[in-house]
Amino acid sequence: GVAVRDGRGRTPVLSAPEEHDNADVLTELLIGGCDPNTRDHAGASLLHLCISYRRSAMLSLLLEPFLRPAKPLAERRAGGRGGEENPIAWMSDDERPKLVGGARLDLNQQDEEGATPLILAIKMRDDVSAAALLRAGALVSPKDRSGMTAIEHAIRNSASHTLMLALKGKASAAAPFAHAVTHAPGGGWRVGPPKHMKAWELVEG
């Protein structure tokens, strides 16, 4: 079943990143009812594990709904994936991406060490994943058990200049990353209501 756990407390969806980087498999697991916010015995979430195992395809699939309009489930069932829209999610009324089964993906869950996915990406020197999380709206304020924030970890790990600018929310060159830190997920855009069960459309906020 989708909720069965192994000895490490991992459900099928949490075990998937360890085995492969297959976005299609992850899509089917989520459509099948797996909870994207469940955590294992070490407090690691699906986002944590995608970063730990460097699963870029899976991470992109999870973060994509925060960055552009997502395909309603009803439309996916009727017409397949179609276009370039995310096949597993749609937008909820409060303008936050909502995955199949009604679960909202939490970008800021903390593992047993207090690390968010953003902090973990920075500690692993994975600037690409860190930037993607920032664009999606991950918070820079949470502190881990050592009392350090994402910015402090970036300084300690000699993060790239571009990522440092993004984390600090400064400089126009970092705007695509930085504005997501202080604005609603979606990079400062809001989502209009659905029209006749068609895909959600972006309207400038």
N, C-alpha and C. Protein backbone atom coordinates (compact mmCIF):
# COMPACT_ATOMS: atom_id res chain seq x y z
N GLY A 1 0.81 -1.19 0.00
CA GLY A 1 0.00 0.00 0.00
C GLY A 1 0.86 1.26 0.00
N VAL A 2 0.24 2.39 -0.28
CA VAL A 2 0.99 3.64 -0.39
C VAL A 2 1.53 4.13 0.94
N ALA A 3 0.95 3.63 2.06
CA ALA A 3 1.39 4.10 3.37
C ALA A 3 2.29 3.10 4.10
N VAL A 4 2.58 1.97 3.48
CA VAL A 4 3.43 0.96 4.11
C VAL A 4 4.85 1.51 4.25
N ARG A 5 5.45 1.30 5.43
CA ARG A 5 6.79 1.82 5.70
C ARG A 5 7.80 0.69 5.89
N ASP A 6 9.02 0.95 5.45
CA ASP A 6 10.09 -0.03 5.67
C ASP A 6 10.76 0.25 7.01
N GLY A 7 11.88 -0.40 7.28
CA GLY A 7 12.55 -0.25 8.56
C GLY A 7 13.04 1.14 8.86
N ARG A 8 13.21 1.96 7.83
CA ARG A 8 13.65 3.34 8.03
C ARG A 8 12.49 4.32 8.07
N GLY A 9 11.29 3.76 8.02
CA GLY A 9 10.11 4.62 8.05
C GLY A 9 9.78 5.22 6.71
N ARG A 10 10.25 4.62 5.64
CA ARG A 10 10.03 5.17 4.30
C ARG A 10 8.88 4.47 3.59
N THR A 11 7.97 5.26 3.10
CA THR A 11 6.87 4.77 2.28
C THR A 11 7.39 4.60 0.85
N PRO A 12 6.58 4.02 -0.05
CA PRO A 12 7.05 3.86 -1.43
C PRO A 12 7.52 5.16 -2.08
N VAL A 13 6.83 6.25 -1.80
CA VAL A 13 7.22 7.51 -2.43
C VAL A 13 8.55 8.02 -1.87
N LEU A 14 8.83 7.72 -0.60
CA LEU A 14 10.11 8.13 -0.02
C LEU A 14 11.25 7.23 -0.47
N SER A 15 10.94 6.00 -0.82
CA SER A 15 11.98 5.07 -1.29
C SER A 15 12.36 5.33 -2.75
N ALA A 16 11.46 5.95 -3.50
CA ALA A 16 11.68 6.14 -4.93
C ALA A 16 12.96 6.91 -5.26
N PRO A 17 13.27 8.03 -4.59
CA PRO A 17 14.48 8.76 -4.96
C PRO A 17 15.77 7.97 -4.76
N GLU A 18 15.77 7.05 -3.83
CA GLU A 18 16.96 6.23 -3.60
C GLU A 18 17.21 5.28 -4.77
N GLU A 19 16.13 4.88 -5.43
CA GLU A 19 16.23 3.86 -6.48
C GLU A 19 16.47 4.43 -7.87
N HIS A 20 15.96 5.62 -8.16
CA HIS A 20 16.06 6.15 -9.52
C HIS A 20 15.67 7.62 -9.53
N ASP A 21 15.84 8.26 -10.68
CA ASP A 21 15.40 9.64 -10.88
C ASP A 21 14.37 9.64 -12.00
N ASN A 22 13.25 8.99 -11.74
CA ASN A 22 12.22 8.80 -12.76
C ASN A 22 10.98 9.60 -12.40
N ALA A 23 10.76 10.71 -13.11
CA ALA A 23 9.62 11.56 -12.82
C ALA A 23 8.30 10.87 -13.12
N ASP A 24 8.28 9.97 -14.10
CA ASP A 24 7.05 9.26 -14.43
C ASP A 24 6.63 8.34 -13.29
N VAL A 25 7.60 7.67 -12.68
CA VAL A 25 7.29 6.80 -11.54
C VAL A 25 6.76 7.64 -10.39
N LEU A 26 7.39 8.77 -10.13
CA LEU A 26 6.94 9.64 -9.05
C LEU A 26 5.53 10.15 -9.32
N THR A 27 5.26 10.48 -10.56
CA THR A 27 3.91 10.93 -10.93
C THR A 27 2.88 9.87 -10.59
N GLU A 28 3.15 8.63 -10.96
CA GLU A 28 2.20 7.55 -10.70
C GLU A 28 2.02 7.31 -9.21
N LEU A 29 3.09 7.42 -8.43
CA LEU A 29 2.99 7.25 -6.98
C LEU A 29 2.10 8.32 -6.37
N LEU A 30 2.26 9.55 -6.82
CA LEU A 30 1.45 10.64 -6.28
C LEU A 30 0.00 10.52 -6.71
N ILE A 31 -0.22 10.16 -7.96
CA ILE A 31 -1.58 9.94 -8.43
C ILE A 31 -2.23 8.78 -7.68
N GLY A 32 -1.41 7.80 -7.31
CA GLY A 32 -1.91 6.64 -6.57
C GLY A 32 -2.24 6.92 -5.12
N GLY A 33 -1.94 8.14 -4.66
CA GLY A 33 -2.33 8.51 -3.31
C GLY A 33 -1.21 8.67 -2.31
N CYS A 34 0.04 8.56 -2.74
CA CYS A 34 1.16 8.74 -1.80
C CYS A 34 1.21 10.19 -1.32
N ASP A 35 1.47 10.36 -0.05
CA ASP A 35 1.54 11.69 0.57
C ASP A 35 2.91 12.30 0.32
N PRO A 36 3.00 13.43 -0.39
CA PRO A 36 4.30 14.02 -0.69
C PRO A 36 4.95 14.68 0.52
N ASN A 37 4.20 14.83 1.61
CA ASN A 37 4.74 15.49 2.80
C ASN A 37 5.12 14.51 3.91
N THR A 38 4.94 13.22 3.68
CA THR A 38 5.31 12.26 4.70
C THR A 38 6.82 12.27 4.92
N ARG A 39 7.25 11.87 6.12
CA ARG A 39 8.68 11.89 6.44
C ARG A 39 9.11 10.55 7.03
N ASP A 40 10.38 10.22 6.87
CA ASP A 40 10.88 8.96 7.42
C ASP A 40 11.30 9.15 8.88
N HIS A 41 11.91 8.11 9.47
CA HIS A 41 12.27 8.16 10.88
C HIS A 41 13.31 9.23 11.19
N ALA A 42 14.05 9.66 10.18
CA ALA A 42 15.06 10.71 10.37
C ALA A 42 14.49 12.09 10.06
N GLY A 43 13.20 12.14 9.79
CA GLY A 43 12.56 13.41 9.51
C GLY A 43 12.72 13.89 8.08
N ALA A 44 13.30 13.05 7.22
CA ALA A 44 13.53 13.46 5.83
C ALA A 44 12.24 13.37 5.02
N SER A 45 11.95 14.43 4.30
CA SER A 45 10.78 14.47 3.43
C SER A 45 11.17 14.06 2.02
N LEU A 46 10.19 14.01 1.14
CA LEU A 46 10.46 13.68 -0.26
C LEU A 46 11.42 14.69 -0.88
N LEU A 47 11.26 15.96 -0.55
CA LEU A 47 12.17 16.98 -1.07
C LEU A 47 13.59 16.76 -0.54
N HIS A 48 13.71 16.47 0.75
CA HIS A 48 15.03 16.19 1.32
C HIS A 48 15.72 15.05 0.55
N LEU A 49 14.97 13.99 0.30
CA LEU A 49 15.57 12.81 -0.33
C LEU A 49 15.90 13.05 -1.80
N CYS A 50 15.08 13.83 -2.49
CA CYS A 50 15.42 14.17 -3.88
C CYS A 50 16.72 14.95 -3.94
N ILE A 51 16.94 15.80 -2.95
CA ILE A 51 18.19 16.57 -2.90
C ILE A 51 19.35 15.68 -2.47
N SER A 52 19.13 14.84 -1.47
CA SER A 52 20.20 13.96 -0.97
C SER A 52 20.74 13.06 -2.07
N TYR A 53 19.83 12.52 -2.89
CA TYR A 53 20.24 11.60 -3.95
C TYR A 53 20.42 12.30 -5.30
N ARG A 54 20.34 13.62 -5.28
CA ARG A 54 20.54 14.45 -6.48
C ARG A 54 19.60 14.02 -7.62
N ARG A 55 18.33 13.95 -7.30
CA ARG A 55 17.32 13.54 -8.28
C ARG A 55 16.68 14.78 -8.90
N SER A 56 17.33 15.33 -9.89
CA SER A 56 16.90 16.59 -10.49
C SER A 56 15.55 16.50 -11.19
N ALA A 57 15.28 15.37 -11.86
CA ALA A 57 14.01 15.23 -12.57
C ALA A 57 12.83 15.19 -11.60
N MET A 58 12.99 14.44 -10.52
CA MET A 58 11.94 14.36 -9.52
C MET A 58 11.74 15.71 -8.83
N LEU A 59 12.83 16.37 -8.50
CA LEU A 59 12.74 17.67 -7.84
C LEU A 59 12.03 18.68 -8.73
N SER A 60 12.36 18.67 -10.00
CA SER A 60 11.72 19.59 -10.94
C SER A 60 10.22 19.34 -11.02
N LEU A 61 9.83 18.07 -11.03
CA LEU A 61 8.41 17.72 -11.08
C LEU A 61 7.67 18.27 -9.87
N LEU A 62 8.29 18.18 -8.69
CA LEU A 62 7.65 18.63 -7.47
C LEU A 62 7.56 20.15 -7.38
N LEU A 63 8.57 20.84 -7.88
CA LEU A 63 8.62 22.29 -7.75
C LEU A 63 7.91 23.02 -8.88
N GLU A 64 7.71 22.34 -9.99
CA GLU A 64 7.14 22.98 -11.17
C GLU A 64 5.80 23.66 -10.92
N PRO A 65 4.88 23.08 -10.12
CA PRO A 65 3.59 23.74 -9.91
C PRO A 65 3.72 25.12 -9.27
N PHE A 66 4.82 25.37 -8.55
CA PHE A 66 5.00 26.66 -7.91
C PHE A 66 5.43 27.72 -8.92
N LEU A 67 5.88 27.30 -10.08
CA LEU A 67 6.52 28.21 -11.01
C LEU A 67 5.66 28.56 -12.21
N ARG A 68 4.65 27.75 -12.51
CA ARG A 68 3.81 28.04 -13.66
C ARG A 68 2.47 27.34 -13.49
N PRO A 69 1.48 27.67 -14.33
CA PRO A 69 0.15 27.07 -14.12
C PRO A 69 0.19 25.56 -14.24
N ALA A 70 -0.58 24.92 -13.41
CA ALA A 70 -0.59 23.46 -13.38
C ALA A 70 -1.88 22.92 -13.98
N LYS A 71 -1.84 21.70 -14.41
CA LYS A 71 -2.97 21.10 -15.12
C LYS A 71 -3.97 20.51 -14.11
N PRO A 72 -5.25 20.87 -14.20
CA PRO A 72 -6.24 20.28 -13.31
C PRO A 72 -6.30 18.77 -13.50
N LEU A 73 -6.53 18.06 -12.42
CA LEU A 73 -6.57 16.60 -12.48
C LEU A 73 -7.62 16.11 -13.47
N ALA A 74 -8.79 16.74 -13.46
CA ALA A 74 -9.87 16.30 -14.35
C ALA A 74 -9.44 16.41 -15.81
N GLU A 75 -8.71 17.45 -16.13
CA GLU A 75 -8.27 17.63 -17.51
C GLU A 75 -7.19 16.63 -17.87
N ARG A 76 -6.34 16.30 -16.91
CA ARG A 76 -5.29 15.31 -17.18
C ARG A 76 -5.94 13.97 -17.50
N ARG A 77 -6.94 13.58 -16.71
CA ARG A 77 -7.59 12.30 -16.94
C ARG A 77 -8.29 12.28 -18.30
N ALA A 78 -8.82 13.42 -18.71
CA ALA A 78 -9.58 13.46 -19.95
C ALA A 78 -8.69 13.50 -21.18
N GLY A 79 -7.60 14.26 -21.08
CA GLY A 79 -6.83 14.48 -22.28
C GLY A 79 -5.36 14.17 -22.20
N GLY A 80 -4.94 13.44 -21.20
CA GLY A 80 -3.52 13.14 -21.07
C GLY A 80 -2.74 14.36 -20.64
N ARG A 81 -1.43 14.29 -20.76
CA ARG A 81 -0.59 15.36 -20.24
C ARG A 81 -0.75 16.63 -21.06
N GLY A 82 -0.48 16.53 -22.34
CA GLY A 82 -0.68 17.69 -23.19
C GLY A 82 0.24 18.85 -22.87
N GLY A 83 0.78 19.48 -23.88
CA GLY A 83 1.60 20.67 -23.68
C GLY A 83 2.76 20.43 -22.73
N GLU A 84 3.09 21.48 -21.99
CA GLU A 84 4.20 21.39 -21.06
C GLU A 84 3.74 21.55 -19.62
N GLU A 85 2.44 21.40 -19.38
CA GLU A 85 1.93 21.65 -18.05
C GLU A 85 2.13 20.45 -17.14
N ASN A 86 2.32 20.76 -15.87
CA ASN A 86 2.57 19.72 -14.89
C ASN A 86 1.37 18.78 -14.79
N PRO A 87 1.57 17.47 -14.86
CA PRO A 87 0.45 16.54 -14.92
C PRO A 87 -0.11 16.12 -13.57
N ILE A 88 0.53 16.53 -12.48
CA ILE A 88 0.12 15.97 -11.19
C ILE A 88 -0.46 16.98 -10.23
N ALA A 89 -0.61 18.23 -10.64
CA ALA A 89 -1.04 19.22 -9.67
C ALA A 89 -1.94 20.28 -10.28
N TRP A 90 -2.61 21.03 -9.42
CA TRP A 90 -3.39 22.17 -9.86
C TRP A 90 -3.30 23.20 -8.75
N MET A 91 -3.84 24.38 -8.95
CA MET A 91 -3.74 25.42 -7.94
C MET A 91 -4.97 25.40 -7.04
N SER A 92 -4.77 25.61 -5.75
CA SER A 92 -5.87 25.65 -4.81
C SER A 92 -6.38 27.09 -4.68
N ASP A 93 -7.47 27.27 -3.95
CA ASP A 93 -8.08 28.59 -3.84
C ASP A 93 -7.19 29.60 -3.14
N ASP A 94 -6.31 29.14 -2.26
CA ASP A 94 -5.45 30.08 -1.54
C ASP A 94 -4.15 30.34 -2.29
N GLU A 95 -4.13 30.01 -3.57
CA GLU A 95 -3.02 30.33 -4.46
C GLU A 95 -1.74 29.55 -4.15
N ARG A 96 -1.88 28.43 -3.49
CA ARG A 96 -0.72 27.58 -3.24
C ARG A 96 -0.86 26.30 -4.05
N PRO A 97 0.24 25.84 -4.64
CA PRO A 97 0.16 24.60 -5.42
C PRO A 97 -0.37 23.45 -4.57
N LYS A 98 -1.21 22.66 -5.19
CA LYS A 98 -1.90 21.58 -4.49
C LYS A 98 -1.74 20.31 -5.31
N LEU A 99 -1.23 19.26 -4.70
CA LEU A 99 -0.97 18.02 -5.42
C LEU A 99 -2.17 17.10 -5.41
N VAL A 100 -2.11 16.09 -6.24
CA VAL A 100 -3.17 15.09 -6.31
C VAL A 100 -3.45 14.55 -4.91
N GLY A 101 -4.73 14.39 -4.58
CA GLY A 101 -5.11 13.90 -3.27
C GLY A 101 -5.33 15.03 -2.28
N GLY A 102 -5.11 16.25 -2.70
CA GLY A 102 -5.37 17.39 -1.84
C GLY A 102 -4.21 17.81 -0.97
N ALA A 103 -3.05 17.18 -1.12
CA ALA A 103 -1.91 17.52 -0.26
C ALA A 103 -1.14 18.70 -0.84
N ARG A 104 -0.89 19.68 0.00
CA ARG A 104 -0.06 20.81 -0.41
C ARG A 104 1.38 20.49 -0.07
N LEU A 105 2.26 20.68 -1.02
CA LEU A 105 3.67 20.36 -0.80
C LEU A 105 4.29 21.40 0.12
N ASP A 106 4.86 20.94 1.22
CA ASP A 106 5.52 21.82 2.18
C ASP A 106 6.99 21.95 1.80
N LEU A 107 7.40 23.15 1.41
CA LEU A 107 8.78 23.38 0.98
C LEU A 107 9.74 23.52 2.15
N ASN A 108 9.22 23.66 3.36
CA ASN A 108 10.07 24.05 4.49
C ASN A 108 10.09 23.06 5.64
N GLN A 109 9.76 21.80 5.37
CA GLN A 109 9.84 20.80 6.43
C GLN A 109 11.27 20.67 6.92
N GLN A 110 11.42 20.39 8.21
CA GLN A 110 12.75 20.25 8.80
C GLN A 110 12.99 18.82 9.24
N ASP A 111 14.18 18.31 8.93
CA ASP A 111 14.53 16.94 9.33
C ASP A 111 14.97 16.93 10.79
N GLU A 112 15.48 15.80 11.26
CA GLU A 112 15.83 15.68 12.67
C GLU A 112 16.96 16.62 13.09
N GLU A 113 17.72 17.12 12.12
CA GLU A 113 18.77 18.09 12.40
C GLU A 113 18.27 19.52 12.24
N GLY A 114 17.00 19.65 11.89
CA GLY A 114 16.42 20.98 11.70
C GLY A 114 16.66 21.57 10.33
N ALA A 115 17.25 20.80 9.43
CA ALA A 115 17.56 21.31 8.09
C ALA A 115 16.33 21.26 7.19
N THR A 116 16.05 22.36 6.55
CA THR A 116 15.02 22.39 5.51
C THR A 116 15.65 21.86 4.22
N PRO A 117 14.84 21.57 3.20
CA PRO A 117 15.44 21.17 1.92
C PRO A 117 16.41 22.22 1.38
N LEU A 118 16.11 23.51 1.60
CA LEU A 118 17.01 24.56 1.14
C LEU A 118 18.35 24.50 1.86
N ILE A 119 18.31 24.36 3.17
CA ILE A 119 19.56 24.25 3.94
C ILE A 119 20.35 23.03 3.49
N LEU A 120 19.66 21.91 3.28
CA LEU A 120 20.34 20.69 2.85
C LEU A 120 21.02 20.89 1.50
N ALA A 121 20.32 21.52 0.56
CA ALA A 121 20.91 21.76 -0.76
C ALA A 121 22.16 22.62 -0.65
N ILE A 122 22.11 23.62 0.21
CA ILE A 122 23.28 24.50 0.40
C ILE A 122 24.43 23.73 1.02
N LYS A 123 24.13 22.91 2.02
CA LYS A 123 25.19 22.12 2.67
C LYS A 123 25.82 21.14 1.69
N MET A 124 25.04 20.66 0.73
CA MET A 124 25.56 19.74 -0.28
C MET A 124 26.20 20.48 -1.46
N ARG A 125 26.25 21.80 -1.36
CA ARG A 125 26.81 22.65 -2.42
C ARG A 125 26.08 22.45 -3.75
N ASP A 126 24.79 22.24 -3.64
CA ASP A 126 23.94 22.06 -4.82
C ASP A 126 23.22 23.38 -5.09
N ASP A 127 23.92 24.29 -5.73
CA ASP A 127 23.36 25.62 -5.97
C ASP A 127 22.14 25.58 -6.90
N VAL A 128 22.12 24.65 -7.82
CA VAL A 128 21.00 24.56 -8.77
C VAL A 128 19.70 24.24 -8.02
N SER A 129 19.76 23.24 -7.14
CA SER A 129 18.56 22.88 -6.38
C SER A 129 18.18 23.98 -5.41
N ALA A 130 19.18 24.61 -4.79
CA ALA A 130 18.90 25.71 -3.87
C ALA A 130 18.19 26.85 -4.59
N ALA A 131 18.67 27.18 -5.78
CA ALA A 131 18.04 28.25 -6.56
C ALA A 131 16.62 27.88 -6.95
N ALA A 132 16.40 26.61 -7.31
CA ALA A 132 15.05 26.16 -7.68
C ALA A 132 14.10 26.27 -6.50
N LEU A 133 14.57 25.92 -5.32
CA LEU A 133 13.74 26.03 -4.11
C LEU A 133 13.42 27.49 -3.81
N LEU A 134 14.39 28.36 -3.99
CA LEU A 134 14.15 29.79 -3.79
C LEU A 134 13.10 30.31 -4.76
N ARG A 135 13.21 29.93 -6.01
CA ARG A 135 12.23 30.37 -7.01
C ARG A 135 10.83 29.89 -6.64
N ALA A 136 10.76 28.70 -6.06
CA ALA A 136 9.46 28.14 -5.69
C ALA A 136 8.88 28.79 -4.44
N GLY A 137 9.71 29.52 -3.69
CA GLY A 137 9.22 30.21 -2.51
C GLY A 137 9.70 29.66 -1.18
N ALA A 138 10.73 28.82 -1.18
CA ALA A 138 11.26 28.29 0.08
C ALA A 138 11.74 29.43 0.97
N LEU A 139 11.52 29.28 2.26
CA LEU A 139 11.89 30.32 3.22
C LEU A 139 13.38 30.25 3.56
N VAL A 140 13.97 31.42 3.79
CA VAL A 140 15.38 31.47 4.20
C VAL A 140 15.50 31.67 5.71
N SER A 141 14.39 31.89 6.40
CA SER A 141 14.43 32.21 7.82
C SER A 141 14.56 31.02 8.78
N PRO A 142 14.07 29.81 8.45
CA PRO A 142 14.17 28.71 9.42
C PRO A 142 15.61 28.42 9.84
N LYS A 143 15.76 28.08 11.11
CA LYS A 143 17.08 27.73 11.65
C LYS A 143 17.15 26.24 11.95
N ASP A 144 18.31 25.65 11.75
CA ASP A 144 18.48 24.25 12.10
C ASP A 144 18.81 24.13 13.58
N ARG A 145 19.12 22.94 14.03
CA ARG A 145 19.36 22.74 15.46
C ARG A 145 20.60 23.46 15.98
N SER A 146 21.50 23.79 15.07
CA SER A 146 22.69 24.54 15.47
C SER A 146 22.42 26.04 15.48
N GLY A 147 21.20 26.42 15.12
CA GLY A 147 20.82 27.82 15.13
C GLY A 147 21.20 28.58 13.88
N MET A 148 21.56 27.85 12.82
CA MET A 148 22.00 28.50 11.59
C MET A 148 20.89 28.53 10.54
N THR A 149 20.82 29.64 9.82
CA THR A 149 19.86 29.79 8.73
C THR A 149 20.51 29.36 7.41
N ALA A 150 19.71 29.39 6.35
CA ALA A 150 20.23 29.03 5.03
C ALA A 150 21.36 29.98 4.61
N ILE A 151 21.20 31.26 4.90
CA ILE A 151 22.23 32.23 4.53
C ILE A 151 23.53 31.94 5.27
N GLU A 152 23.43 31.63 6.54
CA GLU A 152 24.64 31.34 7.33
C GLU A 152 25.34 30.08 6.82
N HIS A 153 24.56 29.09 6.42
CA HIS A 153 25.17 27.89 5.84
C HIS A 153 25.81 28.21 4.49
N ALA A 154 25.20 29.10 3.73
CA ALA A 154 25.76 29.48 2.44
C ALA A 154 27.12 30.16 2.62
N ILE A 155 27.23 30.99 3.63
CA ILE A 155 28.51 31.65 3.92
C ILE A 155 29.55 30.62 4.33
N ARG A 156 29.16 29.71 5.21
CA ARG A 156 30.10 28.68 5.68
C ARG A 156 30.56 27.79 4.54
N ASN A 157 29.67 27.49 3.60
CA ASN A 157 30.00 26.57 2.51
C ASN A 157 30.48 27.28 1.25
N SER A 158 30.78 28.57 1.37
CA SER A 158 31.30 29.34 0.24
C SER A 158 30.42 29.20 -0.99
N ALA A 159 29.14 29.46 -0.82
CA ALA A 159 28.19 29.38 -1.93
C ALA A 159 28.56 30.39 -3.01
N SER A 160 28.08 30.14 -4.19
CA SER A 160 28.38 31.03 -5.31
C SER A 160 27.85 32.43 -5.03
N HIS A 161 28.48 33.39 -5.68
CA HIS A 161 28.06 34.79 -5.51
C HIS A 161 26.61 34.97 -5.92
N THR A 162 26.21 34.33 -7.01
CA THR A 162 24.84 34.45 -7.50
C THR A 162 23.84 33.93 -6.48
N LEU A 163 24.14 32.78 -5.89
CA LEU A 163 23.24 32.23 -4.88
C LEU A 163 23.19 33.11 -3.64
N MET A 164 24.33 33.67 -3.25
CA MET A 164 24.34 34.56 -2.09
C MET A 164 23.45 35.77 -2.34
N LEU A 165 23.52 36.32 -3.53
CA LEU A 165 22.66 37.46 -3.86
C LEU A 165 21.19 37.05 -3.81
N ALA A 166 20.91 35.86 -4.31
CA ALA A 166 19.53 35.37 -4.30
C ALA A 166 19.04 35.19 -2.88
N LEU A 167 19.86 34.61 -2.03
CA LEU A 167 19.48 34.38 -0.64
C LEU A 167 19.24 35.69 0.09
N LYS A 168 20.04 36.66 -0.16
CA LYS A 168 19.90 37.94 0.52
C LYS A 168 18.80 38.80 -0.10
N GLY A 169 18.31 38.38 -1.26
CA GLY A 169 17.24 39.13 -1.88
C GLY A 169 17.69 40.46 -2.44
N LYS A 170 18.95 40.55 -2.83
CA LYS A 170 19.49 41.82 -3.31
C LYS A 170 19.97 41.68 -4.75
N ALA A 171 20.07 42.81 -5.43
CA ALA A 171 20.62 42.92 -6.77
C ALA A 171 19.63 42.45 -7.82
N SER A 172 19.48 43.20 -8.85
CA SER A 172 18.50 42.88 -9.90
C SER A 172 18.83 41.58 -10.62
N ALA A 173 20.11 41.23 -10.66
CA ALA A 173 20.50 39.99 -11.34
C ALA A 173 19.93 38.78 -10.63
N ALA A 174 19.64 38.91 -9.32
CA ALA A 174 19.13 37.78 -8.55
C ALA A 174 17.61 37.81 -8.45
N ALA A 175 16.97 38.80 -9.07
CA ALA A 175 15.54 38.98 -8.90
C ALA A 175 14.70 37.73 -9.16
N PRO A 176 14.99 36.94 -10.21
CA PRO A 176 14.16 35.74 -10.43
C PRO A 176 14.18 34.79 -9.25
N PHE A 177 15.27 34.81 -8.47
CA PHE A 177 15.34 33.97 -7.29
C PHE A 177 14.82 34.73 -6.07
N ALA A 178 15.30 35.96 -5.90
CA ALA A 178 15.09 36.68 -4.65
C ALA A 178 13.64 37.04 -4.40
N HIS A 179 12.89 37.43 -5.44
CA HIS A 179 11.54 37.88 -5.17
C HIS A 179 10.66 36.75 -4.67
N ALA A 180 11.03 35.50 -4.93
CA ALA A 180 10.24 34.37 -4.43
C ALA A 180 10.44 34.17 -2.94
N VAL A 181 11.49 34.77 -2.38
CA VAL A 181 11.76 34.61 -0.95
C VAL A 181 10.75 35.40 -0.13
N THR A 182 10.34 36.56 -0.64
CA THR A 182 9.47 37.43 0.13
C THR A 182 8.05 37.52 -0.42
N HIS A 183 7.79 36.89 -1.53
CA HIS A 183 6.46 36.92 -2.13
C HIS A 183 5.85 35.52 -2.11
N ALA A 184 4.58 35.48 -2.43
CA ALA A 184 3.88 34.20 -2.45
C ALA A 184 4.50 33.25 -3.47
N PRO A 185 4.40 31.94 -3.24
CA PRO A 185 4.92 30.97 -4.21
C PRO A 185 4.40 31.28 -5.60
N GLY A 186 5.27 31.14 -6.58
CA GLY A 186 4.90 31.47 -7.93
C GLY A 186 5.61 32.72 -8.41
N GLY A 187 6.57 33.22 -7.59
CA GLY A 187 7.37 34.34 -8.02
C GLY A 187 6.61 35.64 -8.13
N GLY A 188 5.67 35.90 -7.21
CA GLY A 188 4.98 37.16 -7.21
C GLY A 188 3.75 37.20 -8.12
N TRP A 189 3.42 36.09 -8.74
CA TRP A 189 2.22 36.01 -9.57
C TRP A 189 1.09 35.44 -8.73
N ARG A 190 -0.12 35.76 -9.14
CA ARG A 190 -1.27 35.13 -8.49
C ARG A 190 -2.01 34.31 -9.54
N VAL A 191 -2.86 33.43 -9.08
CA VAL A 191 -3.54 32.50 -9.98
C VAL A 191 -5.02 32.83 -10.04
N GLY A 192 -5.52 32.98 -11.24
CA GLY A 192 -6.93 33.28 -11.42
C GLY A 192 -7.79 32.04 -11.25
N PRO A 193 -9.10 32.20 -11.11
CA PRO A 193 -10.00 31.05 -10.92
C PRO A 193 -10.09 30.20 -12.18
N PRO A 194 -10.46 28.93 -12.03
CA PRO A 194 -10.57 28.06 -13.20
C PRO A 194 -11.73 28.48 -14.09
N LYS A 195 -11.60 28.24 -15.37
CA LYS A 195 -12.66 28.58 -16.31
C LYS A 195 -13.06 27.31 -17.06
N HIS A 196 -14.24 26.82 -16.75
CA HIS A 196 -14.79 25.65 -17.44
C HIS A 196 -13.83 24.46 -17.38
N MET A 197 -13.19 24.25 -16.23
CA MET A 197 -12.30 23.12 -16.01
C MET A 197 -11.08 23.13 -16.92
N LYS A 198 -10.71 24.31 -17.41
CA LYS A 198 -9.51 24.40 -18.22
C LYS A 198 -8.33 24.73 -17.31
N ALA A 199 -7.14 24.67 -17.86
CA ALA A 199 -5.95 24.92 -17.06
C ALA A 199 -6.00 26.31 -16.46
N TRP A 200 -5.44 26.46 -15.28
CA TRP A 200 -5.38 27.75 -14.61
C TRP A 200 -4.48 28.68 -15.42
N GLU A 201 -4.80 29.96 -15.38
CA GLU A 201 -4.00 30.90 -16.15
C GLU A 201 -3.37 31.93 -15.21
N LEU A 202 -2.20 32.37 -15.56
CA LEU A 202 -1.51 33.37 -14.76
C LEU A 202 -2.00 34.76 -15.13
N VAL A 203 -2.21 35.57 -14.11
CA VAL A 203 -2.52 36.97 -14.33
C VAL A 203 -1.54 37.78 -13.52
N GLU A 204 -1.08 38.86 -14.09
CA GLU A 204 -0.03 39.61 -13.44
C GLU A 204 -0.54 40.20 -12.13
N GLY A 205 0.24 40.01 -11.05
CA GLY A 205 -0.17 40.49 -9.73
C GLY A 205 0.38 41.86 -9.43
